[in-house]
Amino acid sequence: MAGANRLLIAVSVVWTAGLVLSGWQPYDRATWWMEVAPALIALPILLASARRFPLTRLALVLIGLHGLVLMLGGAYTYARVPIGFAVQDWLDLARNPYDRFGHFMQGFVPAIVLRELLIRIGGIARGALLSALVLASCLAISASYELIEFGAAMALGQNADAFLGTQGDPWDTQWDMLLCLIGAASALILLGHWHDRQLASLKRPRE
């Protein structure tokens, strides 16, 4: 698994650079901490488990990309990411869509990671049950995140607006969860077979 180890090192280096750049002068420091927290938690776990339980290259690449999405959102806040404004103008949208993309990724990336864990650790066979468990788990993650946002809103009041990123949409929570579910389903459909090939090439984790 030398290739996977090199990839994890690359992800670590890129994330470190991304954290430095996004955290240099973020729009709101408290929001930055809340947005990048998943990456700060995930990296030590990935490094600690890499020897005994290396992930597939596909899972690592997706995790790496998701971390960068979080860091960019943390730097500007999701409602103010410049590329989101460019897409908003291009598609003539009513709001900056970067937050929507972030929640799509919230389903797309965990779907593959959870699929890998359920197959390798849970021993769940590929099929309808596995897909249902992955989708349900991703939706649970999204719901948990919305509850965290709710807690932040209750604790911080108006100061939580940048973290919430609702942009005045009363249905923002529902859209966030729907896009997470769409992202998870898309990952299973588009990447499932590719993921299976990478899983088949993995050596058994060391006991």
N, C-alpha and C. Protein backbone atom coordinates (compact mmCIF):
# COMPACT_ATOMS: atom_id res chain seq x y z
N MET A 1 0.82 -1.21 0.00
CA MET A 1 0.00 0.00 0.00
C MET A 1 0.86 1.27 0.00
N ALA A 2 2.05 1.18 -0.61
CA ALA A 2 2.93 2.34 -0.66
C ALA A 2 2.27 3.49 -1.39
N GLY A 3 1.53 3.15 -2.50
CA GLY A 3 0.86 4.19 -3.25
C GLY A 3 -0.16 4.94 -2.42
N ALA A 4 -0.95 4.20 -1.62
CA ALA A 4 -1.94 4.83 -0.76
C ALA A 4 -1.29 5.70 0.29
N ASN A 5 -0.15 5.23 0.83
CA ASN A 5 0.57 6.03 1.83
C ASN A 5 1.08 7.33 1.23
N ARG A 6 1.59 7.26 0.00
CA ARG A 6 2.06 8.48 -0.66
C ARG A 6 0.90 9.43 -0.91
N LEU A 7 -0.24 8.87 -1.27
CA LEU A 7 -1.42 9.70 -1.51
C LEU A 7 -1.88 10.37 -0.23
N LEU A 8 -1.85 9.64 0.88
CA LEU A 8 -2.24 10.23 2.16
C LEU A 8 -1.29 11.35 2.55
N ILE A 9 0.00 11.16 2.30
CA ILE A 9 0.97 12.23 2.57
C ILE A 9 0.66 13.45 1.72
N ALA A 10 0.32 13.21 0.44
CA ALA A 10 -0.02 14.32 -0.45
C ALA A 10 -1.26 15.06 0.05
N VAL A 11 -2.27 14.31 0.49
CA VAL A 11 -3.47 14.93 1.04
C VAL A 11 -3.12 15.76 2.27
N SER A 12 -2.26 15.23 3.12
CA SER A 12 -1.86 15.94 4.34
C SER A 12 -1.17 17.26 4.00
N VAL A 13 -0.28 17.22 3.01
CA VAL A 13 0.45 18.43 2.62
C VAL A 13 -0.50 19.46 2.02
N VAL A 14 -1.36 19.00 1.12
CA VAL A 14 -2.31 19.91 0.47
C VAL A 14 -3.27 20.50 1.50
N TRP A 15 -3.75 19.68 2.41
CA TRP A 15 -4.66 20.18 3.45
C TRP A 15 -3.96 21.19 4.36
N THR A 16 -2.72 20.92 4.70
CA THR A 16 -1.99 21.87 5.55
C THR A 16 -1.86 23.22 4.86
N ALA A 17 -1.50 23.18 3.57
CA ALA A 17 -1.42 24.43 2.81
C ALA A 17 -2.79 25.09 2.71
N GLY A 18 -3.83 24.29 2.47
CA GLY A 18 -5.18 24.84 2.37
C GLY A 18 -5.65 25.47 3.66
N LEU A 19 -5.33 24.84 4.78
CA LEU A 19 -5.71 25.40 6.08
C LEU A 19 -5.01 26.72 6.35
N VAL A 20 -3.73 26.78 5.99
CA VAL A 20 -2.97 28.02 6.20
C VAL A 20 -3.55 29.14 5.34
N LEU A 21 -3.80 28.85 4.07
CA LEU A 21 -4.31 29.88 3.16
C LEU A 21 -5.72 30.31 3.54
N SER A 22 -6.58 29.34 3.82
CA SER A 22 -7.97 29.70 4.13
C SER A 22 -8.09 30.38 5.49
N GLY A 23 -7.18 30.03 6.40
CA GLY A 23 -7.24 30.60 7.74
C GLY A 23 -6.42 31.86 7.93
N TRP A 24 -5.77 32.32 6.87
CA TRP A 24 -4.90 33.50 7.00
C TRP A 24 -5.70 34.73 7.36
N GLN A 25 -6.70 35.06 6.58
CA GLN A 25 -7.58 36.18 6.87
C GLN A 25 -9.01 35.81 6.48
N PRO A 26 -9.62 34.88 7.18
CA PRO A 26 -10.98 34.46 6.81
C PRO A 26 -11.98 35.59 7.06
N TYR A 27 -13.11 35.49 6.39
CA TYR A 27 -14.15 36.50 6.56
C TYR A 27 -14.61 36.57 8.00
N ASP A 28 -14.76 35.41 8.63
CA ASP A 28 -15.19 35.35 10.02
C ASP A 28 -14.46 34.19 10.70
N ARG A 29 -13.66 34.50 11.69
CA ARG A 29 -12.79 33.48 12.30
C ARG A 29 -13.59 32.36 12.95
N ALA A 30 -14.65 32.68 13.67
CA ALA A 30 -15.44 31.64 14.33
C ALA A 30 -16.08 30.72 13.30
N THR A 31 -16.58 31.29 12.21
CA THR A 31 -17.16 30.48 11.14
C THR A 31 -16.11 29.58 10.51
N TRP A 32 -14.91 30.12 10.33
CA TRP A 32 -13.82 29.33 9.75
C TRP A 32 -13.55 28.08 10.58
N TRP A 33 -13.47 28.26 11.90
CA TRP A 33 -13.22 27.11 12.77
C TRP A 33 -14.32 26.07 12.64
N MET A 34 -15.56 26.51 12.58
CA MET A 34 -16.67 25.56 12.50
C MET A 34 -16.70 24.85 11.14
N GLU A 35 -16.34 25.57 10.08
CA GLU A 35 -16.39 24.97 8.74
C GLU A 35 -15.26 23.96 8.51
N VAL A 36 -14.07 24.26 9.02
CA VAL A 36 -12.93 23.37 8.75
C VAL A 36 -12.77 22.29 9.81
N ALA A 37 -13.60 22.32 10.84
CA ALA A 37 -13.48 21.33 11.92
C ALA A 37 -13.49 19.89 11.42
N PRO A 38 -14.36 19.52 10.44
CA PRO A 38 -14.32 18.13 9.97
C PRO A 38 -12.96 17.70 9.43
N ALA A 39 -12.28 18.61 8.72
CA ALA A 39 -10.95 18.28 8.20
C ALA A 39 -9.94 18.14 9.33
N LEU A 40 -10.04 19.01 10.33
CA LEU A 40 -9.12 18.94 11.46
C LEU A 40 -9.32 17.64 12.25
N ILE A 41 -10.52 17.13 12.27
CA ILE A 41 -10.80 15.87 12.96
C ILE A 41 -10.39 14.68 12.10
N ALA A 42 -10.66 14.77 10.80
CA ALA A 42 -10.42 13.63 9.91
C ALA A 42 -8.95 13.33 9.70
N LEU A 43 -8.12 14.36 9.58
CA LEU A 43 -6.72 14.12 9.25
C LEU A 43 -5.99 13.28 10.29
N PRO A 44 -6.08 13.57 11.59
CA PRO A 44 -5.42 12.70 12.57
C PRO A 44 -5.94 11.26 12.53
N ILE A 45 -7.24 11.09 12.28
CA ILE A 45 -7.80 9.75 12.19
C ILE A 45 -7.23 9.01 10.99
N LEU A 46 -7.14 9.67 9.85
CA LEU A 46 -6.57 9.05 8.65
C LEU A 46 -5.13 8.65 8.87
N LEU A 47 -4.35 9.52 9.49
CA LEU A 47 -2.94 9.24 9.72
C LEU A 47 -2.77 8.09 10.73
N ALA A 48 -3.59 8.09 11.77
CA ALA A 48 -3.47 7.06 12.80
C ALA A 48 -3.89 5.68 12.31
N SER A 49 -4.85 5.63 11.38
CA SER A 49 -5.37 4.35 10.92
C SER A 49 -4.75 3.87 9.61
N ALA A 50 -3.87 4.68 9.02
CA ALA A 50 -3.36 4.37 7.68
C ALA A 50 -2.62 3.04 7.62
N ARG A 51 -1.90 2.69 8.67
CA ARG A 51 -1.10 1.47 8.64
C ARG A 51 -1.95 0.21 8.76
N ARG A 52 -2.90 0.25 9.68
CA ARG A 52 -3.73 -0.93 9.92
C ARG A 52 -4.92 -1.00 8.97
N PHE A 53 -5.39 0.14 8.53
CA PHE A 53 -6.61 0.14 7.71
C PHE A 53 -6.51 1.22 6.62
N PRO A 54 -5.68 0.99 5.62
CA PRO A 54 -5.56 1.97 4.54
C PRO A 54 -6.81 2.00 3.68
N LEU A 55 -7.25 3.18 3.35
CA LEU A 55 -8.42 3.33 2.50
C LEU A 55 -8.04 3.21 1.03
N THR A 56 -9.02 3.00 0.18
CA THR A 56 -8.76 2.96 -1.26
C THR A 56 -8.33 4.35 -1.73
N ARG A 57 -7.66 4.37 -2.86
CA ARG A 57 -7.22 5.65 -3.43
C ARG A 57 -8.43 6.53 -3.75
N LEU A 58 -9.50 5.92 -4.23
CA LEU A 58 -10.70 6.69 -4.55
C LEU A 58 -11.23 7.40 -3.31
N ALA A 59 -11.34 6.69 -2.21
CA ALA A 59 -11.84 7.30 -0.97
C ALA A 59 -10.93 8.42 -0.50
N LEU A 60 -9.62 8.21 -0.59
CA LEU A 60 -8.68 9.24 -0.15
C LEU A 60 -8.76 10.49 -1.01
N VAL A 61 -8.85 10.30 -2.32
CA VAL A 61 -8.94 11.46 -3.22
C VAL A 61 -10.22 12.25 -2.94
N LEU A 62 -11.33 11.55 -2.76
CA LEU A 62 -12.59 12.23 -2.47
C LEU A 62 -12.53 12.97 -1.14
N ILE A 63 -11.95 12.33 -0.14
CA ILE A 63 -11.80 13.00 1.16
C ILE A 63 -10.95 14.26 1.01
N GLY A 64 -9.86 14.14 0.25
CA GLY A 64 -9.00 15.29 0.02
C GLY A 64 -9.73 16.43 -0.64
N LEU A 65 -10.52 16.14 -1.67
CA LEU A 65 -11.29 17.18 -2.36
C LEU A 65 -12.33 17.81 -1.45
N HIS A 66 -12.99 16.97 -0.65
CA HIS A 66 -14.01 17.49 0.25
C HIS A 66 -13.40 18.44 1.27
N GLY A 67 -12.22 18.12 1.76
CA GLY A 67 -11.55 19.01 2.69
C GLY A 67 -11.29 20.38 2.09
N LEU A 68 -10.90 20.42 0.83
CA LEU A 68 -10.64 21.70 0.16
C LEU A 68 -11.94 22.49 -0.02
N VAL A 69 -13.04 21.78 -0.30
CA VAL A 69 -14.34 22.45 -0.40
C VAL A 69 -14.68 23.13 0.93
N LEU A 70 -14.44 22.43 2.03
CA LEU A 70 -14.72 22.99 3.36
C LEU A 70 -13.83 24.20 3.65
N MET A 71 -12.56 24.10 3.27
CA MET A 71 -11.62 25.20 3.54
C MET A 71 -11.96 26.45 2.75
N LEU A 72 -12.37 26.27 1.50
CA LEU A 72 -12.76 27.43 0.70
C LEU A 72 -14.01 28.07 1.27
N GLY A 73 -14.97 27.23 1.66
CA GLY A 73 -16.18 27.77 2.28
C GLY A 73 -15.88 28.46 3.60
N GLY A 74 -14.93 27.92 4.35
CA GLY A 74 -14.57 28.54 5.61
C GLY A 74 -13.88 29.89 5.44
N ALA A 75 -13.09 30.02 4.38
CA ALA A 75 -12.35 31.26 4.16
C ALA A 75 -13.28 32.43 3.85
N TYR A 76 -14.28 32.19 3.00
CA TYR A 76 -15.16 33.27 2.56
C TYR A 76 -16.52 33.25 3.24
N THR A 77 -16.90 32.16 3.85
CA THR A 77 -18.24 31.72 4.21
C THR A 77 -18.91 31.29 2.90
N TYR A 78 -19.79 30.30 3.01
CA TYR A 78 -20.35 29.67 1.81
C TYR A 78 -21.14 30.65 0.94
N ALA A 79 -21.77 31.62 1.54
CA ALA A 79 -22.59 32.56 0.78
C ALA A 79 -21.75 33.58 0.02
N ARG A 80 -20.43 33.63 0.27
CA ARG A 80 -19.58 34.66 -0.33
C ARG A 80 -18.43 34.10 -1.17
N VAL A 81 -18.42 32.81 -1.43
CA VAL A 81 -17.33 32.22 -2.23
C VAL A 81 -17.38 32.79 -3.65
N PRO A 82 -16.28 33.37 -4.13
CA PRO A 82 -16.30 34.03 -5.45
C PRO A 82 -16.74 33.14 -6.59
N ILE A 83 -16.26 31.90 -6.63
CA ILE A 83 -16.66 31.03 -7.75
C ILE A 83 -18.17 30.78 -7.73
N GLY A 84 -18.77 30.82 -6.54
CA GLY A 84 -20.21 30.67 -6.45
C GLY A 84 -20.94 31.83 -7.10
N PHE A 85 -20.41 33.05 -6.93
CA PHE A 85 -21.01 34.20 -7.59
C PHE A 85 -20.90 34.09 -9.11
N ALA A 86 -19.76 33.56 -9.57
CA ALA A 86 -19.58 33.39 -11.02
C ALA A 86 -20.63 32.42 -11.57
N VAL A 87 -20.85 31.31 -10.86
CA VAL A 87 -21.86 30.33 -11.29
C VAL A 87 -23.25 30.94 -11.18
N GLN A 88 -23.47 31.73 -10.15
CA GLN A 88 -24.78 32.38 -9.98
C GLN A 88 -25.09 33.27 -11.18
N ASP A 89 -24.10 34.06 -11.62
CA ASP A 89 -24.32 34.94 -12.78
C ASP A 89 -24.48 34.12 -14.06
N TRP A 90 -23.68 33.07 -14.20
CA TRP A 90 -23.71 32.25 -15.41
C TRP A 90 -25.05 31.57 -15.59
N LEU A 91 -25.61 31.05 -14.48
CA LEU A 91 -26.87 30.31 -14.54
C LEU A 91 -28.08 31.18 -14.19
N ASP A 92 -27.82 32.47 -13.91
CA ASP A 92 -28.88 33.41 -13.55
C ASP A 92 -29.68 32.90 -12.35
N LEU A 93 -28.94 32.53 -11.28
CA LEU A 93 -29.56 32.01 -10.08
C LEU A 93 -29.89 33.13 -9.10
N ALA A 94 -30.77 32.84 -8.16
CA ALA A 94 -31.18 33.84 -7.18
C ALA A 94 -30.21 33.93 -6.01
N ARG A 95 -29.31 32.96 -5.86
CA ARG A 95 -28.39 32.94 -4.72
C ARG A 95 -27.08 32.30 -5.12
N ASN A 96 -26.06 32.53 -4.31
CA ASN A 96 -24.77 31.88 -4.49
C ASN A 96 -24.95 30.37 -4.22
N PRO A 97 -24.63 29.51 -5.21
CA PRO A 97 -24.92 28.08 -5.06
C PRO A 97 -23.81 27.27 -4.40
N TYR A 98 -22.75 27.93 -3.91
CA TYR A 98 -21.65 27.15 -3.35
C TYR A 98 -22.09 26.32 -2.15
N ASP A 99 -22.99 26.86 -1.37
CA ASP A 99 -23.52 26.11 -0.22
C ASP A 99 -24.22 24.84 -0.67
N ARG A 100 -24.98 24.94 -1.78
CA ARG A 100 -25.65 23.76 -2.31
C ARG A 100 -24.62 22.71 -2.74
N PHE A 101 -23.57 23.18 -3.40
CA PHE A 101 -22.51 22.27 -3.83
C PHE A 101 -21.86 21.61 -2.63
N GLY A 102 -21.63 22.38 -1.56
CA GLY A 102 -21.03 21.83 -0.36
C GLY A 102 -21.87 20.71 0.24
N HIS A 103 -23.18 20.87 0.23
CA HIS A 103 -24.05 19.82 0.79
C HIS A 103 -24.16 18.63 -0.16
N PHE A 104 -24.06 18.87 -1.45
CA PHE A 104 -23.98 17.75 -2.40
C PHE A 104 -22.73 16.91 -2.09
N MET A 105 -21.61 17.58 -1.85
CA MET A 105 -20.37 16.87 -1.51
C MET A 105 -20.48 16.19 -0.15
N GLN A 106 -21.31 16.74 0.74
CA GLN A 106 -21.52 16.13 2.05
C GLN A 106 -22.14 14.75 1.93
N GLY A 107 -22.80 14.49 0.82
CA GLY A 107 -23.33 13.15 0.57
C GLY A 107 -22.43 12.35 -0.35
N PHE A 108 -21.88 13.00 -1.36
CA PHE A 108 -21.09 12.32 -2.39
C PHE A 108 -19.85 11.63 -1.81
N VAL A 109 -19.12 12.33 -0.96
CA VAL A 109 -17.88 11.78 -0.41
C VAL A 109 -18.14 10.76 0.69
N PRO A 110 -18.94 11.07 1.72
CA PRO A 110 -19.20 10.06 2.75
C PRO A 110 -19.82 8.78 2.21
N ALA A 111 -20.56 8.87 1.09
CA ALA A 111 -21.18 7.66 0.55
C ALA A 111 -20.13 6.61 0.21
N ILE A 112 -19.03 7.02 -0.40
CA ILE A 112 -17.98 6.07 -0.77
C ILE A 112 -17.22 5.61 0.47
N VAL A 113 -16.95 6.52 1.39
CA VAL A 113 -16.24 6.14 2.61
C VAL A 113 -17.07 5.17 3.44
N LEU A 114 -18.34 5.48 3.62
CA LEU A 114 -19.22 4.59 4.38
C LEU A 114 -19.40 3.25 3.68
N ARG A 115 -19.52 3.28 2.37
CA ARG A 115 -19.63 2.03 1.60
C ARG A 115 -18.42 1.14 1.85
N GLU A 116 -17.25 1.76 1.88
CA GLU A 116 -16.02 1.01 2.12
C GLU A 116 -16.00 0.41 3.52
N LEU A 117 -16.39 1.20 4.50
CA LEU A 117 -16.39 0.71 5.88
C LEU A 117 -17.41 -0.41 6.08
N LEU A 118 -18.58 -0.25 5.49
CA LEU A 118 -19.62 -1.27 5.65
C LEU A 118 -19.23 -2.59 4.98
N ILE A 119 -18.54 -2.50 3.86
CA ILE A 119 -18.10 -3.72 3.17
C ILE A 119 -16.94 -4.38 3.91
N ARG A 120 -15.94 -3.60 4.27
CA ARG A 120 -14.72 -4.16 4.83
C ARG A 120 -14.82 -4.50 6.31
N ILE A 121 -15.53 -3.69 7.06
CA ILE A 121 -15.65 -3.93 8.50
C ILE A 121 -16.98 -4.61 8.84
N GLY A 122 -18.05 -4.10 8.23
CA GLY A 122 -19.36 -4.65 8.55
C GLY A 122 -19.69 -5.93 7.84
N GLY A 123 -18.91 -6.25 6.78
CA GLY A 123 -19.18 -7.46 6.03
C GLY A 123 -20.50 -7.45 5.28
N ILE A 124 -21.00 -6.27 4.96
CA ILE A 124 -22.26 -6.14 4.23
C ILE A 124 -22.02 -6.45 2.76
N ALA A 125 -22.82 -7.34 2.21
CA ALA A 125 -22.67 -7.70 0.80
C ALA A 125 -23.16 -6.56 -0.09
N ARG A 126 -22.59 -6.47 -1.26
CA ARG A 126 -23.01 -5.46 -2.22
C ARG A 126 -24.45 -5.76 -2.65
N GLY A 127 -25.23 -4.71 -2.76
CA GLY A 127 -26.62 -4.91 -3.15
C GLY A 127 -27.51 -3.83 -2.59
N ALA A 128 -28.80 -4.09 -2.60
CA ALA A 128 -29.79 -3.09 -2.20
C ALA A 128 -29.64 -2.70 -0.73
N LEU A 129 -29.36 -3.68 0.14
CA LEU A 129 -29.23 -3.37 1.57
C LEU A 129 -28.05 -2.43 1.81
N LEU A 130 -26.92 -2.71 1.17
CA LEU A 130 -25.75 -1.86 1.33
C LEU A 130 -26.07 -0.43 0.88
N SER A 131 -26.69 -0.29 -0.28
CA SER A 131 -27.02 1.04 -0.80
C SER A 131 -27.97 1.76 0.14
N ALA A 132 -28.97 1.05 0.66
CA ALA A 132 -29.94 1.66 1.58
C ALA A 132 -29.25 2.14 2.85
N LEU A 133 -28.34 1.33 3.38
CA LEU A 133 -27.63 1.73 4.60
C LEU A 133 -26.74 2.94 4.37
N VAL A 134 -26.08 2.97 3.21
CA VAL A 134 -25.23 4.12 2.88
C VAL A 134 -26.08 5.39 2.76
N LEU A 135 -27.17 5.31 2.04
CA LEU A 135 -28.02 6.48 1.86
C LEU A 135 -28.60 6.95 3.19
N ALA A 136 -29.05 6.01 4.02
CA ALA A 136 -29.61 6.37 5.31
C ALA A 136 -28.54 7.01 6.21
N SER A 137 -27.34 6.48 6.16
CA SER A 137 -26.25 7.03 6.98
C SER A 137 -25.88 8.43 6.54
N CYS A 138 -25.81 8.65 5.22
CA CYS A 138 -25.49 9.98 4.71
C CYS A 138 -26.57 10.98 5.09
N LEU A 139 -27.82 10.56 5.01
CA LEU A 139 -28.91 11.45 5.40
C LEU A 139 -28.84 11.74 6.90
N ALA A 140 -28.45 10.75 7.70
CA ALA A 140 -28.30 10.96 9.14
C ALA A 140 -27.17 11.95 9.42
N ILE A 141 -26.08 11.86 8.65
CA ILE A 141 -24.98 12.82 8.82
C ILE A 141 -25.46 14.23 8.51
N SER A 142 -26.22 14.35 7.41
CA SER A 142 -26.75 15.65 7.03
C SER A 142 -27.68 16.21 8.10
N ALA A 143 -28.56 15.36 8.62
CA ALA A 143 -29.49 15.80 9.67
C ALA A 143 -28.72 16.23 10.92
N SER A 144 -27.67 15.48 11.26
CA SER A 144 -26.86 15.83 12.43
C SER A 144 -26.20 17.19 12.23
N TYR A 145 -25.71 17.43 11.02
CA TYR A 145 -25.07 18.71 10.73
C TYR A 145 -26.08 19.85 10.85
N GLU A 146 -27.31 19.62 10.36
CA GLU A 146 -28.34 20.65 10.48
C GLU A 146 -28.66 20.93 11.94
N LEU A 147 -28.62 19.90 12.79
CA LEU A 147 -28.84 20.11 14.21
C LEU A 147 -27.71 20.91 14.84
N ILE A 148 -26.48 20.66 14.35
CA ILE A 148 -25.34 21.47 14.82
C ILE A 148 -25.55 22.93 14.43
N GLU A 149 -26.00 23.15 13.19
CA GLU A 149 -26.28 24.52 12.75
C GLU A 149 -27.38 25.15 13.61
N PHE A 150 -28.39 24.35 13.94
CA PHE A 150 -29.46 24.84 14.81
C PHE A 150 -28.91 25.25 16.17
N GLY A 151 -28.04 24.41 16.72
CA GLY A 151 -27.43 24.73 18.01
C GLY A 151 -26.60 25.99 17.94
N ALA A 152 -25.85 26.15 16.83
CA ALA A 152 -25.04 27.36 16.66
C ALA A 152 -25.92 28.59 16.56
N ALA A 153 -27.04 28.46 15.85
CA ALA A 153 -27.96 29.58 15.70
C ALA A 153 -28.56 29.98 17.04
N MET A 154 -28.91 28.98 17.84
CA MET A 154 -29.49 29.28 19.15
C MET A 154 -28.45 29.91 20.08
N ALA A 155 -27.21 29.45 19.98
CA ALA A 155 -26.16 29.94 20.88
C ALA A 155 -25.62 31.31 20.46
N LEU A 156 -25.50 31.52 19.15
CA LEU A 156 -24.84 32.73 18.66
C LEU A 156 -25.79 33.78 18.12
N GLY A 157 -27.02 33.42 17.88
CA GLY A 157 -27.98 34.38 17.35
C GLY A 157 -27.58 34.84 15.96
N GLN A 158 -27.61 36.15 15.73
CA GLN A 158 -27.28 36.71 14.42
C GLN A 158 -25.85 36.42 14.00
N ASN A 159 -24.98 36.18 14.96
CA ASN A 159 -23.58 35.90 14.63
C ASN A 159 -23.40 34.56 13.93
N ALA A 160 -24.45 33.73 13.91
CA ALA A 160 -24.36 32.43 13.26
C ALA A 160 -24.77 32.47 11.79
N ASP A 161 -25.18 33.64 11.30
CA ASP A 161 -25.69 33.74 9.93
C ASP A 161 -24.67 33.27 8.90
N ALA A 162 -23.40 33.62 9.11
CA ALA A 162 -22.37 33.24 8.14
C ALA A 162 -22.19 31.73 8.11
N PHE A 163 -22.31 31.09 9.27
CA PHE A 163 -22.17 29.63 9.34
C PHE A 163 -23.37 28.93 8.72
N LEU A 164 -24.57 29.48 8.96
CA LEU A 164 -25.78 28.86 8.44
C LEU A 164 -25.87 28.98 6.92
N GLY A 165 -25.52 30.13 6.38
CA GLY A 165 -25.53 30.32 4.94
C GLY A 165 -26.89 30.15 4.29
N THR A 166 -27.96 30.50 5.00
CA THR A 166 -29.31 30.28 4.45
C THR A 166 -29.65 31.24 3.32
N GLN A 167 -29.02 32.40 3.31
CA GLN A 167 -29.24 33.42 2.27
C GLN A 167 -30.73 33.75 2.12
N GLY A 168 -31.44 33.75 3.24
CA GLY A 168 -32.84 34.13 3.24
C GLY A 168 -33.81 33.07 2.78
N ASP A 169 -33.34 31.84 2.56
CA ASP A 169 -34.21 30.77 2.08
C ASP A 169 -34.82 30.02 3.27
N PRO A 170 -36.15 30.07 3.45
CA PRO A 170 -36.76 29.39 4.60
C PRO A 170 -36.69 27.87 4.48
N TRP A 171 -36.43 27.36 3.28
CA TRP A 171 -36.36 25.91 3.05
C TRP A 171 -34.91 25.45 2.91
N ASP A 172 -33.97 26.24 3.40
CA ASP A 172 -32.55 25.91 3.22
C ASP A 172 -32.19 24.57 3.84
N THR A 173 -32.70 24.29 5.03
CA THR A 173 -32.39 23.02 5.70
C THR A 173 -32.85 21.83 4.87
N GLN A 174 -34.06 21.93 4.32
CA GLN A 174 -34.59 20.83 3.52
C GLN A 174 -33.79 20.65 2.22
N TRP A 175 -33.42 21.77 1.59
CA TRP A 175 -32.60 21.68 0.39
C TRP A 175 -31.25 21.06 0.69
N ASP A 176 -30.66 21.43 1.82
CA ASP A 176 -29.35 20.88 2.20
C ASP A 176 -29.42 19.37 2.32
N MET A 177 -30.42 18.87 3.00
CA MET A 177 -30.55 17.42 3.19
C MET A 177 -30.87 16.71 1.88
N LEU A 178 -31.70 17.32 1.04
CA LEU A 178 -32.01 16.72 -0.25
C LEU A 178 -30.77 16.62 -1.12
N LEU A 179 -29.97 17.69 -1.15
CA LEU A 179 -28.77 17.67 -1.98
C LEU A 179 -27.74 16.68 -1.46
N CYS A 180 -27.67 16.51 -0.15
CA CYS A 180 -26.80 15.49 0.42
C CYS A 180 -27.24 14.11 -0.06
N LEU A 181 -28.54 13.86 -0.03
CA LEU A 181 -29.07 12.57 -0.47
C LEU A 181 -28.81 12.35 -1.96
N ILE A 182 -28.99 13.40 -2.76
CA ILE A 182 -28.71 13.30 -4.20
C ILE A 182 -27.23 13.03 -4.43
N GLY A 183 -26.37 13.71 -3.66
CA GLY A 183 -24.93 13.48 -3.78
C GLY A 183 -24.55 12.04 -3.45
N ALA A 184 -25.13 11.50 -2.40
CA ALA A 184 -24.83 10.12 -2.00
C ALA A 184 -25.28 9.14 -3.07
N ALA A 185 -26.50 9.33 -3.59
CA ALA A 185 -27.01 8.44 -4.63
C ALA A 185 -26.16 8.54 -5.89
N SER A 186 -25.72 9.75 -6.22
CA SER A 186 -24.89 9.95 -7.41
C SER A 186 -23.56 9.21 -7.28
N ALA A 187 -22.97 9.26 -6.09
CA ALA A 187 -21.69 8.58 -5.87
C ALA A 187 -21.85 7.07 -6.03
N LEU A 188 -22.92 6.52 -5.48
CA LEU A 188 -23.13 5.08 -5.59
C LEU A 188 -23.33 4.66 -7.04
N ILE A 189 -24.07 5.46 -7.78
CA ILE A 189 -24.36 5.11 -9.18
C ILE A 189 -23.11 5.29 -10.05
N LEU A 190 -22.42 6.40 -9.89
CA LEU A 190 -21.31 6.74 -10.78
C LEU A 190 -20.01 6.04 -10.42
N LEU A 191 -19.79 5.80 -9.14
CA LEU A 191 -18.47 5.32 -8.69
C LEU A 191 -18.50 3.91 -8.10
N GLY A 192 -19.65 3.30 -7.98
CA GLY A 192 -19.75 2.00 -7.31
C GLY A 192 -18.87 0.94 -7.93
N HIS A 193 -18.92 0.78 -9.25
CA HIS A 193 -18.12 -0.26 -9.90
C HIS A 193 -16.62 0.04 -9.80
N TRP A 194 -16.27 1.30 -9.97
CA TRP A 194 -14.86 1.70 -9.84
C TRP A 194 -14.38 1.41 -8.42
N HIS A 195 -15.21 1.72 -7.45
CA HIS A 195 -14.87 1.47 -6.06
C HIS A 195 -14.68 -0.03 -5.81
N ASP A 196 -15.54 -0.85 -6.40
CA ASP A 196 -15.42 -2.30 -6.24
C ASP A 196 -14.08 -2.82 -6.77
N ARG A 197 -13.63 -2.27 -7.90
CA ARG A 197 -12.35 -2.70 -8.45
C ARG A 197 -11.21 -2.34 -7.52
N GLN A 198 -11.28 -1.17 -6.92
CA GLN A 198 -10.22 -0.78 -5.99
C GLN A 198 -10.28 -1.61 -4.71
N LEU A 199 -11.46 -1.92 -4.24
CA LEU A 199 -11.58 -2.77 -3.06
C LEU A 199 -11.01 -4.16 -3.33
N ALA A 200 -11.23 -4.67 -4.54
CA ALA A 200 -10.73 -6.00 -4.88
C ALA A 200 -9.21 -6.03 -4.90
N SER A 201 -8.58 -4.91 -5.19
CA SER A 201 -7.12 -4.87 -5.28
C SER A 201 -6.45 -4.60 -3.93
N LEU A 202 -7.26 -4.28 -2.92
CA LEU A 202 -6.70 -3.99 -1.60
C LEU A 202 -6.22 -5.28 -0.92
N LYS A 203 -5.10 -5.18 -0.25
CA LYS A 203 -4.68 -6.28 0.62
C LYS A 203 -5.52 -6.22 1.89
N ARG A 204 -5.68 -7.35 2.51
CA ARG A 204 -6.41 -7.39 3.77
C ARG A 204 -5.67 -6.55 4.80
N PRO A 205 -6.41 -5.75 5.61
CA PRO A 205 -5.74 -4.96 6.64
C PRO A 205 -5.05 -5.85 7.65
N ARG A 206 -3.95 -5.35 8.18
CA ARG A 206 -3.19 -6.13 9.16
C ARG A 206 -3.99 -6.31 10.44
N GLU A 207 -3.86 -7.46 11.01
CA GLU A 207 -4.55 -7.72 12.28
C GLU A 207 -3.79 -7.09 13.42
